[in-house]
Protein backbone atom coordinates (compact mmCIF):
# COMPACT_ATOMS: atom_id res chain seq x y z
CA MET A 1 0.04 0.08 -0.41
CA ALA A 2 1.18 3.50 -0.72
CA LYS A 3 2.90 5.30 1.96
CA ASP A 4 0.42 8.55 1.54
CA GLU A 5 -2.91 6.61 1.89
CA LYS A 6 -4.64 6.86 4.84
CA GLN A 7 -6.52 4.69 7.32
CA VAL A 8 -9.90 5.14 6.64
CA THR A 9 -11.36 5.22 9.79
CA TRP A 10 -9.20 7.50 11.72
CA GLY A 11 -6.35 8.16 8.88
CA GLY A 12 -6.41 11.93 9.44
CA ARG A 13 -4.59 11.96 12.20
CA PHE A 14 -1.76 10.05 10.83
CA SER A 15 1.21 10.46 8.90
CA ASP A 16 1.62 6.76 8.05
CA ARG A 17 -0.55 3.29 8.34
CA PRO A 18 -0.02 0.77 11.05
CA ASN A 19 2.60 -1.72 10.18
CA LEU A 20 0.96 -4.72 8.86
CA LEU A 21 1.75 -6.78 12.08
CA MET A 22 -0.05 -4.80 14.03
CA GLN A 23 -2.98 -4.51 11.38
CA VAL A 24 -3.17 -8.16 12.09
CA PHE A 25 -2.87 -7.67 15.55
CA GLY A 26 -5.53 -5.52 15.87
CA GLU A 27 -7.61 -6.47 13.41
CA SER A 28 -11.17 -7.90 14.74
CA VAL A 29 -13.31 -8.33 11.59
CA SER A 30 -12.13 -12.37 11.74
CA PHE A 31 -14.69 -13.37 14.15
CA ASP A 32 -16.68 -9.59 14.79
CA LYS A 33 -18.18 -10.27 10.96
CA ARG A 34 -20.63 -12.12 13.02
CA LEU A 35 -22.32 -9.22 14.12
CA ALA A 36 -23.16 -8.17 10.43
CA PRO A 37 -26.46 -8.40 10.44
CA TYR A 38 -27.05 -6.57 13.53
CA ASP A 39 -24.66 -4.11 12.43
CA LEU A 40 -26.42 -3.53 10.00
CA GLN A 41 -29.91 -3.13 11.82
CA GLY A 42 -28.25 -0.70 14.31
CA SER A 43 -26.92 1.23 11.02
CA MET A 44 -30.83 1.71 10.19
CA GLY A 45 -32.09 2.54 13.02
CA HIS A 46 -29.44 5.15 13.20
CA ALA A 47 -30.33 6.28 9.92
CA SER A 48 -34.03 6.09 10.43
CA MET A 49 -32.97 8.82 13.77
CA LEU A 50 -30.42 11.06 11.71
CA ALA A 51 -33.67 11.57 9.05
CA HIS A 52 -36.24 12.05 11.99
CA VAL A 53 -34.20 14.99 13.13
CA GLY A 54 -32.60 16.31 9.73
CA LEU A 55 -29.91 15.60 9.50
CA LEU A 56 -30.25 13.02 6.74
CA THR A 57 -32.18 14.42 3.41
CA ASP A 58 -34.92 12.25 2.30
CA ASP A 59 -33.24 11.17 -0.98
CA GLU A 60 -29.85 10.39 1.42
CA PHE A 61 -32.03 7.89 3.63
CA SER A 62 -33.51 6.58 0.74
CA GLU A 63 -30.04 5.60 -0.57
CA ILE A 64 -28.44 4.66 2.39
CA LYS A 65 -31.71 1.88 2.68
CA SER A 66 -31.52 1.14 -0.57
CA GLY A 67 -27.97 0.39 0.13
CA ILE A 68 -28.14 -1.15 3.31
CA ALA A 69 -30.72 -4.04 2.16
CA GLU A 70 -28.74 -5.26 -0.59
CA LEU A 71 -25.67 -5.57 2.21
CA VAL A 72 -28.05 -7.64 4.18
CA GLU A 73 -28.10 -10.11 1.51
CA GLU A 74 -24.87 -9.87 0.00
CA ILE A 75 -23.36 -10.76 3.85
CA LYS A 76 -24.93 -14.16 3.90
CA SER A 77 -22.54 -15.11 0.69
CA PRO A 78 -18.80 -16.27 1.39
CA GLU A 79 -18.15 -14.47 -1.80
CA PHE A 80 -18.58 -10.80 0.43
CA SER A 81 -15.32 -9.11 1.22
CA TRP A 82 -13.84 -9.39 4.46
CA LYS A 83 -10.78 -7.18 4.56
CA LEU A 84 -8.45 -6.99 7.52
CA GLU A 85 -6.86 -3.58 6.75
CA LEU A 86 -10.77 -1.92 7.93
CA GLU A 87 -9.83 -3.30 11.43
CA ASP A 88 -13.22 -4.68 11.89
CA VAL A 89 -17.04 -5.42 11.28
CA HIS A 90 -18.30 -1.92 11.08
CA MET A 91 -15.76 -0.20 9.23
CA ASN A 92 -15.93 -2.75 6.66
CA LEU A 93 -19.75 -2.21 6.18
CA GLU A 94 -19.26 1.50 6.32
CA GLN A 95 -17.15 1.34 3.29
CA ALA A 96 -19.38 -1.51 1.56
CA LEU A 97 -22.32 0.93 1.80
CA LEU A 98 -19.97 3.94 0.86
CA ALA A 99 -19.09 1.80 -2.59
CA LYS A 100 -23.14 2.11 -3.21
CA THR A 101 -23.75 5.90 -2.44
CA GLY A 102 -22.11 8.98 -1.17
CA ALA A 103 -24.46 9.10 1.36
CA ALA A 104 -23.26 6.50 3.72
CA ALA A 105 -20.67 9.13 4.54
CA LYS A 106 -23.42 10.87 6.44
CA LEU A 107 -23.90 7.62 8.62
CA HIS A 108 -21.50 8.18 11.47
CA THR A 109 -22.75 11.16 12.53
CA GLY A 110 -23.42 11.60 16.43
CA ARG A 111 -22.05 8.23 16.82
CA SER A 112 -19.14 6.29 17.71
CA ARG A 113 -17.96 2.73 17.38
CA ASN A 114 -17.93 2.73 21.10
CA ASP A 115 -21.73 2.92 21.55
CA GLN A 116 -22.11 0.92 17.83
CA VAL A 117 -20.55 -1.98 18.90
CA ALA A 118 -22.28 -1.59 22.27
CA THR A 119 -25.65 -1.43 20.64
CA ASP A 120 -24.42 -4.35 18.26
CA MET A 121 -23.92 -6.65 20.82
CA ARG A 122 -26.86 -5.75 22.84
CA LEU A 123 -28.76 -6.82 19.90
CA PHE A 124 -26.86 -9.62 19.13
CA PHE A 125 -27.58 -10.77 23.11
CA LYS A 126 -31.59 -10.50 22.85
CA ASP A 127 -30.89 -13.08 19.60
CA ALA A 128 -28.91 -15.32 21.34
CA CYS A 129 -30.90 -15.61 24.28
CA ILE A 130 -33.60 -16.87 22.31
CA GLN A 131 -32.05 -19.33 20.31
CA LEU A 132 -30.34 -20.99 23.01
CA SER A 133 -34.00 -20.50 24.72
CA GLU A 134 -35.39 -22.55 21.89
CA LYS A 135 -32.54 -25.04 22.11
CA LEU A 136 -33.01 -25.29 25.62
CA GLU A 137 -36.87 -26.01 25.22
CA LEU A 138 -35.95 -29.06 22.93
CA ALA A 139 -33.71 -30.37 25.40
CA MET A 140 -36.43 -30.21 28.30
CA LYS A 141 -38.85 -32.01 25.86
CA ALA A 142 -36.43 -34.76 25.30
CA ILE A 143 -36.03 -35.09 29.72
CA LEU A 144 -39.84 -34.66 29.82
CA GLY A 145 -40.49 -37.62 27.48
CA LEU A 146 -38.44 -39.94 29.18
CA ALA A 147 -40.03 -38.57 32.37
CA GLN A 148 -43.25 -39.19 31.09
CA LYS A 149 -42.37 -43.06 29.82
CA TYR A 150 -41.01 -44.21 32.72
CA ALA A 151 -42.98 -42.06 35.43
CA THR A 152 -43.19 -44.84 38.00
CA LEU A 153 -40.15 -47.03 37.04
CA PRO A 154 -38.00 -47.51 40.58
CA ILE A 155 -34.26 -46.83 40.73
CA PRO A 156 -31.99 -46.54 43.79
CA GLY A 157 -31.34 -42.49 44.56
CA TYR A 158 -27.89 -41.67 45.55
CA THR A 159 -25.61 -39.54 48.10
CA HIS A 160 -22.27 -40.01 47.89
CA LEU A 161 -22.75 -42.21 44.91
CA GLN A 162 -23.82 -44.83 47.17
CA ARG A 163 -27.94 -45.78 47.50
CA ALA A 164 -30.14 -43.78 49.57
CA GLN A 165 -33.80 -43.83 49.19
CA PRO A 166 -36.08 -45.29 46.25
CA VAL A 167 -37.04 -42.78 43.53
CA THR A 168 -38.61 -43.17 40.29
CA VAL A 169 -36.66 -42.30 36.54
CA GLY A 170 -39.50 -39.64 36.61
CA HIS A 171 -38.36 -38.18 39.69
CA HIS A 172 -35.05 -38.43 38.89
CA LEU A 173 -34.96 -36.14 35.54
CA LEU A 174 -37.75 -34.19 36.97
CA ALA A 175 -34.72 -32.86 39.43
CA HIS A 176 -32.92 -32.38 35.96
CA LEU A 177 -35.83 -30.56 34.34
CA GLU A 178 -36.03 -28.25 37.52
CA ALA A 179 -32.79 -26.75 36.92
CA LEU A 180 -33.22 -26.45 33.08
CA GLY A 181 -36.20 -23.79 33.70
CA ARG A 182 -34.25 -21.95 35.79
CA ASP A 183 -31.60 -21.60 33.62
CA HIS A 184 -34.48 -20.73 30.85
CA GLU A 185 -35.66 -17.90 33.44
CA ARG A 186 -31.91 -16.52 33.42
CA LEU A 187 -31.82 -16.54 29.88
CA SER A 188 -35.09 -14.37 29.89
CA LYS A 189 -33.36 -12.34 32.70
CA VAL A 190 -30.26 -11.47 30.83
CA ALA A 191 -32.29 -10.82 27.33
CA ASP A 192 -34.39 -8.07 29.26
CA HIS A 193 -31.10 -6.46 30.33
CA ALA A 194 -30.13 -6.79 26.78
CA ASN A 195 -32.89 -4.59 25.95
CA VAL A 196 -31.24 -0.89 26.67
CA CYS A 197 -30.33 1.07 23.78
CA PRO A 198 -26.81 2.16 24.22
CA LEU A 199 -26.50 3.98 20.99
CA GLY A 200 -26.39 7.57 20.98
CA SER A 201 -23.93 8.03 24.14
CA GLY A 202 -20.85 8.78 21.36
CA ALA A 203 -17.81 7.35 22.65
CA ILE A 204 -18.39 8.80 26.24
CA ALA A 205 -20.40 11.92 26.04
CA GLY A 206 -22.65 11.88 23.53
CA SER A 207 -23.20 14.51 20.47
CA THR A 208 -23.91 18.13 20.43
CA LEU A 209 -25.99 17.14 17.35
CA PRO A 210 -29.85 16.96 17.79
CA LEU A 211 -29.86 13.81 18.34
CA ASP A 212 -33.08 11.38 19.51
CA ARG A 213 -32.03 8.31 21.21
CA GLU A 214 -35.71 7.49 21.99
CA PHE A 215 -36.82 7.30 18.42
CA THR A 216 -33.72 5.04 17.83
CA ALA A 217 -34.44 2.70 20.37
CA LYS A 218 -37.99 2.12 19.40
CA ALA A 219 -36.78 2.28 15.85
CA LEU A 220 -34.42 -1.22 17.12
CA GLY A 221 -37.02 -2.58 19.20
CA PHE A 222 -35.35 -1.95 22.60
CA VAL A 223 -39.06 -0.93 24.33
CA ASP A 224 -40.41 -1.91 27.29
CA ARG A 225 -43.77 -4.57 27.05
CA GLU A 226 -45.68 -1.03 26.99
CA GLY A 227 -43.56 -0.06 23.83
CA ASN A 228 -41.74 2.84 26.17
CA PRO A 229 -38.69 3.22 24.54
CA ARG A 230 -35.41 1.82 26.64
CA ILE A 231 -32.20 3.43 26.88
CA THR A 232 -29.07 4.01 28.66
CA ALA A 233 -28.68 6.36 31.05
CA ASN A 234 -25.25 7.45 31.27
CA GLY A 235 -22.55 7.73 28.43
CA MET A 236 -19.60 6.56 30.19
CA ASP A 237 -21.26 3.46 31.19
CA ALA A 238 -23.16 2.55 28.60
CA VAL A 239 -20.05 1.93 25.79
CA ALA A 240 -17.89 0.95 29.08
CA ASP A 241 -20.32 -1.85 31.05
CA ARG A 242 -19.87 -5.33 29.90
CA ASP A 243 -22.46 -6.34 32.59
CA VAL A 244 -24.62 -8.43 29.82
CA PHE A 245 -21.40 -9.87 28.75
CA LEU A 246 -20.77 -11.86 31.98
CA GLU A 247 -24.14 -12.41 32.65
CA PHE A 248 -24.91 -14.03 29.61
CA ALA A 249 -21.64 -16.70 30.10
CA MET A 250 -22.36 -17.17 33.38
CA ALA A 251 -26.03 -18.11 32.24
CA CYS A 252 -24.18 -20.20 29.76
CA VAL A 253 -21.93 -21.75 32.63
CA ASN A 254 -24.90 -22.25 34.66
CA CYS A 255 -26.55 -24.12 31.95
CA SER A 256 -23.55 -25.98 31.15
CA LEU A 257 -22.83 -27.21 35.00
CA HIS A 258 -26.97 -28.78 34.84
CA LEU A 259 -25.72 -30.36 31.61
CA SER A 260 -22.82 -31.68 32.99
CA ARG A 261 -24.14 -33.15 35.98
CA LEU A 262 -27.28 -34.76 33.65
CA ALA A 263 -24.43 -36.00 32.08
CA GLU A 264 -22.56 -37.69 34.57
CA ASP A 265 -25.82 -39.47 35.84
CA VAL A 266 -26.36 -40.77 32.63
CA ILE A 267 -22.40 -41.80 32.33
CA LEU A 268 -22.98 -43.88 35.72
CA TRP A 269 -26.43 -45.26 34.46
CA ASN A 270 -25.26 -46.60 30.82
CA SER A 271 -22.09 -48.21 32.84
CA SER A 272 -22.09 -51.77 32.89
CA GLU A 273 -22.35 -51.96 36.66
CA PHE A 274 -25.61 -49.89 36.36
CA GLY A 275 -27.03 -50.70 32.91
CA TYR A 276 -30.24 -48.72 34.03
CA ILE A 277 -30.09 -46.92 30.69
CA GLN A 278 -29.57 -48.06 26.51
CA LEU A 279 -28.14 -45.08 24.74
CA PRO A 280 -28.68 -44.99 20.59
CA ASP A 281 -26.16 -46.21 18.71
CA THR A 282 -26.46 -42.73 16.78
CA PHE A 283 -25.12 -40.77 19.74
CA THR A 284 -22.21 -43.20 21.10
CA THR A 285 -19.04 -44.36 19.58
CA GLY A 286 -16.86 -47.45 19.29
CA SER A 287 -13.29 -48.17 20.16
CA SER A 288 -10.49 -48.40 17.77
CA LEU A 289 -9.14 -51.58 19.64
CA MET A 290 -11.80 -53.50 21.45
CA PRO A 291 -14.87 -53.97 19.45
CA GLN A 292 -17.24 -54.46 22.44
CA LYS A 293 -17.04 -51.11 23.64
CA LYS A 294 -19.95 -48.87 22.89
CA ASN A 295 -19.24 -45.46 24.29
CA PRO A 296 -21.34 -42.23 25.72
CA ASP A 297 -18.83 -40.06 23.64
CA SER A 298 -21.54 -37.62 23.43
CA PHE A 299 -22.30 -37.03 27.41
CA GLU A 300 -18.94 -37.34 28.12
CA LEU A 301 -18.25 -34.18 25.69
CA ILE A 302 -21.09 -32.64 26.84
CA ARG A 303 -19.25 -32.51 30.84
CA GLY A 304 -15.95 -31.93 29.05
CA LYS A 305 -17.02 -28.33 27.07
CA THR A 306 -18.08 -27.42 30.39
CA GLY A 307 -14.91 -26.76 31.41
CA ARG A 308 -14.58 -24.84 28.16
CA ILE A 309 -17.67 -22.68 28.84
CA VAL A 310 -16.20 -22.10 32.74
CA GLY A 311 -13.25 -20.79 31.45
CA ASN A 312 -14.79 -18.24 29.18
CA LEU A 313 -16.56 -17.10 32.04
CA GLN A 314 -13.00 -16.48 33.54
CA ASN A 315 -11.83 -15.03 30.05
CA LEU A 316 -14.27 -11.97 30.42
CA CYS A 317 -13.63 -11.55 33.88
CA VAL A 318 -9.84 -11.09 33.82
CA ALA A 319 -9.89 -8.86 30.87
CA ILE A 320 -12.24 -6.41 32.17
CA LYS A 321 -11.14 -6.62 36.28
CA GLY A 322 -8.43 -3.77 35.62
CA LEU A 323 -10.07 -1.42 33.61
CA PRO A 324 -10.72 2.34 33.97
CA LEU A 325 -13.70 3.74 32.27
CA THR A 326 -15.05 4.08 29.34
CA TYR A 327 -13.18 2.06 26.22
CA ASN A 328 -10.18 0.21 26.15
CA ARG A 329 -9.22 -1.54 23.32
CA ASP A 330 -8.70 -4.72 25.72
CA LEU A 331 -11.96 -5.04 25.33
CA GLN A 332 -12.19 -6.23 21.52
CA GLU A 333 -11.57 -9.35 23.37
CA ASP A 334 -14.81 -9.39 24.78
CA LYS A 335 -16.62 -11.37 21.63
CA PRO A 336 -15.10 -14.45 21.00
CA PRO A 337 -15.96 -16.19 24.39
CA VAL A 338 -19.49 -15.36 24.65
CA PHE A 339 -19.83 -16.38 20.84
CA ASP A 340 -18.02 -19.43 21.67
CA SER A 341 -20.44 -20.18 24.54
CA LEU A 342 -23.06 -19.49 22.64
CA ASP A 343 -21.91 -22.16 19.89
CA GLN A 344 -20.55 -24.49 22.45
CA LEU A 345 -23.92 -24.52 24.53
CA SER A 346 -26.06 -24.56 21.74
CA MET A 347 -24.44 -27.74 20.03
CA CYS A 348 -24.48 -29.55 23.69
CA LEU A 349 -27.99 -28.75 24.09
CA SER A 350 -28.97 -30.29 20.74
CA VAL A 351 -26.67 -33.12 21.36
CA LEU A 352 -28.74 -33.90 24.44
CA ALA A 353 -32.32 -33.71 22.98
CA GLY A 354 -30.69 -36.14 19.96
CA SER A 355 -29.15 -38.25 22.83
CA LEU A 356 -32.16 -38.98 25.03
CA GLU A 357 -35.10 -38.92 22.57
CA ASP A 358 -33.74 -42.33 21.45
CA SER A 359 -32.50 -43.54 24.99
CA SER A 360 -34.26 -46.24 26.81
CA PHE A 361 -34.22 -47.94 30.52
CA ASN A 362 -33.40 -51.13 31.02
CA GLU A 363 -37.31 -51.44 33.32
CA GLU A 364 -35.81 -54.86 34.86
CA ARG A 365 -32.51 -53.65 36.12
CA CYS A 366 -33.85 -50.69 37.52
CA ARG A 367 -36.77 -52.46 39.83
CA LYS A 368 -33.99 -54.99 40.62
CA ALA A 369 -31.35 -51.94 42.32
CA ALA A 370 -34.31 -50.33 43.48
CA SER A 371 -35.23 -53.58 45.30
CA ASP A 372 -32.45 -53.39 48.21
CA PRO A 373 -34.42 -52.88 51.44
CA LEU A 374 -31.63 -50.91 52.62
CA LEU A 375 -33.07 -48.02 50.55
CA LEU A 376 -35.91 -48.06 52.69
CA ALA A 377 -34.33 -48.22 56.26
CA THR A 378 -35.06 -44.83 56.52
CA ASP A 379 -39.00 -45.36 55.67
CA LEU A 380 -37.99 -48.12 58.93
CA ALA A 381 -36.90 -45.27 61.48
CA ASP A 382 -40.36 -43.15 60.49
CA TYR A 383 -42.31 -46.44 60.78
CA LEU A 384 -41.20 -46.11 64.68
CA VAL A 385 -41.09 -42.54 65.17
CA GLU A 386 -44.99 -42.91 64.08
CA LYS A 387 -45.20 -45.17 67.00
CA GLY A 388 -43.34 -42.52 69.14
CA VAL A 389 -40.22 -43.51 69.10
CA PRO A 390 -37.76 -40.16 69.00
CA PHE A 391 -36.18 -40.25 65.93
CA ARG A 392 -32.54 -39.89 67.01
CA THR A 393 -33.03 -43.17 68.86
CA ALA A 394 -35.18 -44.60 66.11
CA HIS A 395 -31.91 -43.95 63.97
CA HIS A 396 -29.74 -45.63 66.33
CA LEU A 397 -31.80 -48.13 66.95
CA ILE A 398 -32.52 -49.44 62.91
CA GLY A 399 -28.49 -48.68 62.62
CA GLU A 400 -28.27 -51.75 65.05
CA LEU A 401 -30.54 -53.59 63.40
CA VAL A 402 -28.76 -53.28 59.37
CA ALA A 403 -25.21 -54.11 61.31
CA LEU A 404 -27.01 -57.24 62.67
CA ALA A 405 -28.10 -58.11 59.23
CA GLU A 406 -24.87 -56.83 57.97
CA VAL A 407 -22.87 -59.61 60.25
CA GLN A 408 -25.31 -62.34 59.56
CA ARG A 409 -25.02 -61.41 55.79
CA ILE A 410 -28.83 -61.18 55.11
CA SER A 411 -31.30 -58.44 53.66
CA LEU A 412 -32.66 -56.48 56.77
CA PRO A 413 -36.75 -57.19 56.51
CA GLU A 414 -34.76 -61.24 57.03
CA LEU A 415 -33.73 -61.07 60.24
CA GLU A 416 -35.72 -63.14 63.11
CA GLN A 417 -37.95 -61.78 64.60
CA ASP A 418 -36.74 -62.59 67.91
CA GLU A 419 -33.39 -61.08 67.35
CA ALA A 420 -35.30 -57.63 65.64
CA ILE A 421 -37.35 -57.17 68.91
CA LYS A 422 -34.62 -57.95 71.41
CA ILE A 423 -33.18 -54.93 69.71
CA CYS A 424 -35.99 -52.57 69.23
CA PRO A 425 -39.20 -53.76 70.96
CA GLU A 426 -41.46 -50.80 69.46
CA LEU A 427 -40.70 -52.93 65.98
CA GLY A 428 -44.16 -55.00 66.43
CA ILE A 429 -45.14 -57.96 63.72
CA GLU A 430 -45.66 -55.82 60.78
CA TRP A 431 -42.69 -54.10 60.65
CA ARG A 432 -41.65 -56.07 57.64
CA GLU A 433 -44.49 -54.09 55.65
CA VAL A 434 -42.45 -51.25 55.55
CA PHE A 435 -39.94 -52.75 52.81
CA ASP A 436 -43.13 -52.32 49.86
CA LEU A 437 -42.17 -50.36 47.78
CA ASN A 438 -45.56 -49.15 46.62
CA ARG A 439 -46.15 -48.04 50.22
CA ALA A 440 -43.16 -46.17 50.17
CA PHE A 441 -44.03 -43.83 47.13
CA ALA A 442 -47.60 -43.72 48.43
CA LYS A 443 -46.45 -41.88 51.75
CA ARG A 444 -44.24 -39.64 49.23
CA GLU A 445 -47.57 -37.61 48.27
CA LYS A 446 -46.45 -34.23 49.23
CA PRO A 447 -44.49 -31.30 47.31
CA GLY A 448 -41.11 -32.36 46.15
CA MET A 449 -41.26 -36.31 46.70
CA PRO A 450 -41.48 -39.10 44.38
CA GLY A 451 -45.27 -39.96 44.92
CA PRO A 452 -47.13 -41.02 41.23
CA ASN A 453 -49.65 -38.55 42.39
CA GLN A 454 -46.40 -35.83 42.97
CA ILE A 455 -44.77 -36.92 39.76
CA GLU A 456 -48.15 -37.14 37.40
CA SER A 457 -48.70 -33.12 39.05
CA ARG A 458 -45.17 -32.01 37.44
CA ILE A 459 -45.38 -33.49 34.20
CA GLN A 460 -48.75 -31.69 33.62
CA HIS A 461 -46.65 -28.85 34.73
CA TRP A 462 -43.63 -28.87 32.59
CA GLU A 463 -46.04 -30.58 29.83
CA LYS A 464 -48.18 -26.79 29.72
CA LEU A 465 -44.95 -24.93 29.83
CA LEU A 466 -43.34 -26.47 26.91
CA LEU A 467 -46.62 -26.92 25.28
CA PHE A 468 -46.66 -30.60 24.50
């Protein structure tokens, strides 16, 4: 490039162009070109406002509008030319628009790339939350489908990865569904926090021009439920604020952590030692050495990608933590982490839905595991409580019975009546009825418990929300 060619963005101040290495080091168009649709949307809203306040003539606005409409289609093509020397998505699109109409030279009137990119990202986050919410709903529907099918199939519930008390597949899966439901709410809140327009803030202090920020906000859809415009209150905060980035990244972390815990359950259930669930061939892989293997790679990758998504949040926190107000070039690095979190979580949700839709539970294996009498040891303590025995005393007495059964290498209800009564006279003669799973679930018909009616109620709740 000739030495006398100026950098189109800010070349008036400089006599030399940036070093090529600096251009490569400083460019962001390789990743922020993803913002092109939002940037054009923002430019259209800004142009509408400039025309509204008389800073663009009708003809100029018409030319800009037509040019933007053409670019909206052109950027969809892989043939569209993105130029590194123009630094970012904003200048690439501005120059492309200038090639269509000289009126585009007025488009940057009253705005800075600072409030421009802040607007682009808020539009991006609103859209990203919708995308993830839709993927999340599909994953939730897949979980709910299994919960419906196996609502009353008993399995052991675990604490410390040891058998604890009996639950059902429906109850267990609904637990994961509750967590994902909170993720859906979080995404809604992130979208709401993103729904505030920073355009018109300029670099830090706005403009002396007669801008109409409320008009721009309405044009771009930054409005409340009554249609009133929502705009940022402080220009410095508007361009420096990265709260929505952090909130979005954290929402992705929360969701990925929930997916990872679900994946861990499925991986355990799928193991030969558990054998509770059968995964589809389409979302599992084999071994290059061992021909018998069928590995739950889809769930292992969901678990693995969680670390990557958590890392993206850490990346953002470190980038932001020491910055003075307002904009600093460090903030160019705020986009790749949130783009990546969106992409990875979106893929994880799709894979989860696909994996679970064709999965099935081994009912015989589940029932056999759930028939372990020790799962109802707590129920036996509750039985004593109903007879007036203090719970701590009951807990101790049942513990003695369990220890005796272990010494004799028999199950708890196989203890001789005389031996059992000797340790705990309050048992009476009907204590073995406690070891009936149907009784156990029937007595758990309070909110949050795995009683059949409670499970059916929550299934209906989620069916209504997910519009089955």
